[in-house]
Amino acid sequence: MRSASPRKTNEQVRLSPIALFGASAPILILSAAIGLLFAGNVTAMRAVVALAGPPSSAVLILLIFGLYKAMRTDYEALPGSVRASLTAAH
């Protein structure tokens, strides 16, 4: 069975700045927290985690919203019979 939307080849796929930030931010936060923990400065570690939490949460919420939109678009592109069978399964 063919997909409703054509797949992109490797040459056509480009990462957006939000995706790059979303992938690199947790790694940077984790490395900063581990470094401060080994340095023995627990108060600074708490401050870094508290300051980095809200922006990371905002990025995650944006990624969840984008996933929802993509899934909704794919669902609406399905033929009616397939949608009916998916709905009837619940």
C-alpha atoms as a PDB file:
ATOM      1  CA  MET A   1       0.000   0.000   0.000  1.00  0.00           C
ATOM      2  CA  ARG A   2       1.382   3.414  -0.942  1.00  0.00           C
ATOM      3  CA  SER A   3       1.732   6.177   1.578  1.00  0.00           C
ATOM      4  CA  ALA A   4      -0.554   9.208   1.347  1.00  0.00           C
ATOM      5  CA  SER A   5       2.409  11.562   1.176  1.00  0.00           C
ATOM      6  CA  PRO A   6       5.561  10.911  -0.842  1.00  0.00           C
ATOM      7  CA  ARG A   7       8.732  10.250   1.127  1.00  0.00           C
ATOM      8  CA  LYS A   8      11.589  12.700   0.817  1.00  0.00           C
ATOM      9  CA  THR A   9      14.973  11.512  -0.288  1.00  0.00           C
ATOM     10  CA  ASN A  10      18.051  12.235   1.809  1.00  0.00           C
ATOM     11  CA  GLU A  11      18.946  15.206  -0.393  1.00  0.00           C
ATOM     12  CA  GLN A  12      15.597  16.900   0.281  1.00  0.00           C
ATOM     13  CA  VAL A  13      15.579  16.592   4.091  1.00  0.00           C
ATOM     14  CA  ARG A  14      16.728  19.717   5.953  1.00  0.00           C
ATOM     15  CA  LEU A  15      16.728  20.258   9.675  1.00  0.00           C
ATOM     16  CA  SER A  16      15.028  23.370  10.934  1.00  0.00           C
ATOM     17  CA  PRO A  17      16.692  25.573  13.563  1.00  0.00           C
ATOM     18  CA  ILE A  18      14.011  24.556  16.077  1.00  0.00           C
ATOM     19  CA  ALA A  19      14.790  20.869  15.527  1.00  0.00           C
ATOM     20  CA  LEU A  20      18.504  21.487  15.956  1.00  0.00           C
ATOM     21  CA  PHE A  21      17.932  23.461  19.151  1.00  0.00           C
ATOM     22  CA  GLY A  22      15.494  20.874  20.446  1.00  0.00           C
ATOM     23  CA  ALA A  23      18.059  18.131  19.899  1.00  0.00           C
ATOM     24  CA  SER A  24      21.077  19.984  21.296  1.00  0.00           C
ATOM     25  CA  ALA A  25      19.552  21.831  24.260  1.00  0.00           C
ATOM     26  CA  PRO A  26      19.063  18.775  26.524  1.00  0.00           C
ATOM     27  CA  ILE A  27      22.631  17.636  25.839  1.00  0.00           C
ATOM     28  CA  LEU A  28      24.014  21.062  26.757  1.00  0.00           C
ATOM     29  CA  ILE A  29      21.878  21.287  29.896  1.00  0.00           C
ATOM     30  CA  LEU A  30      22.890  17.798  30.979  1.00  0.00           C
ATOM     31  CA  SER A  31      26.582  18.464  30.438  1.00  0.00           C
ATOM     32  CA  ALA A  32      26.382  21.735  32.406  1.00  0.00           C
ATOM     33  CA  ALA A  33      24.544  20.026  35.271  1.00  0.00           C
ATOM     34  CA  ILE A  34      27.028  17.140  35.399  1.00  0.00           C
ATOM     35  CA  GLY A  35      29.968  19.544  35.307  1.00  0.00           C
ATOM     36  CA  LEU A  36      28.576  21.614  38.166  1.00  0.00           C
ATOM     37  CA  LEU A  37      27.754  18.485  40.142  1.00  0.00           C
ATOM     38  CA  PHE A  38      31.321  17.195  39.852  1.00  0.00           C
ATOM     39  CA  ALA A  39      32.645  20.634  40.760  1.00  0.00           C
ATOM     40  CA  GLY A  40      30.657  20.405  43.985  1.00  0.00           C
ATOM     41  CA  ASN A  41      28.475  23.450  43.378  1.00  0.00           C
ATOM     42  CA  VAL A  42      24.978  22.075  43.915  1.00  0.00           C
ATOM     43  CA  THR A  43      23.427  25.552  44.287  1.00  0.00           C
ATOM     44  CA  ALA A  44      24.688  26.604  40.847  1.00  0.00           C
ATOM     45  CA  MET A  45      23.475  23.316  39.390  1.00  0.00           C
ATOM     46  CA  ARG A  46      19.989  23.961  40.745  1.00  0.00           C
ATOM     47  CA  ALA A  47      20.026  27.453  39.243  1.00  0.00           C
ATOM     48  CA  VAL A  48      21.085  26.155  35.807  1.00  0.00           C
ATOM     49  CA  VAL A  49      18.385  23.494  35.831  1.00  0.00           C
ATOM     50  CA  ALA A  50      15.738  26.006  36.997  1.00  0.00           C
ATOM     51  CA  LEU A  51      16.722  28.520  34.303  1.00  0.00           C
ATOM     52  CA  ALA A  52      16.963  25.941  31.512  1.00  0.00           C
ATOM     53  CA  GLY A  53      13.709  24.168  32.326  1.00  0.00           C
ATOM     54  CA  PRO A  54      11.112  26.631  30.974  1.00  0.00           C
ATOM     55  CA  PRO A  55      12.763  27.190  27.555  1.00  0.00           C
ATOM     56  CA  SER A  56      13.218  23.439  27.141  1.00  0.00           C
ATOM     57  CA  SER A  57       9.583  22.900  28.053  1.00  0.00           C
ATOM     58  CA  ALA A  58       8.511  25.494  25.494  1.00  0.00           C
ATOM     59  CA  VAL A  59      10.523  23.750  22.774  1.00  0.00           C
ATOM     60  CA  LEU A  60       8.982  20.401  23.713  1.00  0.00           C
ATOM     61  CA  ILE A  61       5.488  21.881  23.553  1.00  0.00           C
ATOM     62  CA  LEU A  62       6.233  23.285  20.078  1.00  0.00           C
ATOM     63  CA  LEU A  63       7.552  19.901  18.930  1.00  0.00           C
ATOM     64  CA  ILE A  64       4.437  18.160  20.273  1.00  0.00           C
ATOM     65  CA  PHE A  65       2.219  20.669  18.460  1.00  0.00           C
ATOM     66  CA  GLY A  66       4.139  20.098  15.208  1.00  0.00           C
ATOM     67  CA  LEU A  67       3.797  16.327  15.590  1.00  0.00           C
ATOM     68  CA  TYR A  68       0.059  16.700  16.187  1.00  0.00           C
ATOM     69  CA  LYS A  69      -0.325  18.856  13.060  1.00  0.00           C
ATOM     70  CA  ALA A  70       1.643  16.364  10.938  1.00  0.00           C
ATOM     71  CA  MET A  71      -0.357  13.413  12.205  1.00  0.00           C
ATOM     72  CA  ARG A  72      -3.625  15.273  11.649  1.00  0.00           C
ATOM     73  CA  THR A  73      -2.595  16.129   8.062  1.00  0.00           C
ATOM     74  CA  ASP A  74      -1.654  12.511   7.339  1.00  0.00           C
ATOM     75  CA  TYR A  75      -4.930  11.281   8.831  1.00  0.00           C
ATOM     76  CA  GLU A  76      -6.981  13.700   6.726  1.00  0.00           C
ATOM     77  CA  ALA A  77      -5.110  12.558   3.589  1.00  0.00           C
ATOM     78  CA  LEU A  78      -6.201   8.944   4.132  1.00  0.00           C
ATOM     79  CA  PRO A  79      -9.067   7.588   2.011  1.00  0.00           C
ATOM     80  CA  GLY A  80     -12.444   7.495   3.716  1.00  0.00           C
ATOM     81  CA  SER A  81     -12.543   3.701   3.965  1.00  0.00           C
ATOM     82  CA  VAL A  82      -9.232   3.603   5.831  1.00  0.00           C
ATOM     83  CA  ARG A  83     -10.337   6.362   8.179  1.00  0.00           C
ATOM     84  CA  ALA A  84     -13.566   4.506   8.860  1.00  0.00           C
ATOM     85  CA  SER A  85     -11.685   1.309   9.691  1.00  0.00           C
ATOM     86  CA  LEU A  86      -9.372   3.208  12.062  1.00  0.00           C
ATOM     87  CA  THR A  87     -12.312   4.873  13.781  1.00  0.00           C
ATOM     88  CA  ALA A  88     -14.253   1.594  14.039  1.00  0.00           C
ATOM     89  CA  ALA A  89     -11.306  -0.127  15.728  1.00  0.00           C
ATOM     90  CA  HIS A  90     -11.821   1.999  18.854  1.00  0.00           C
END
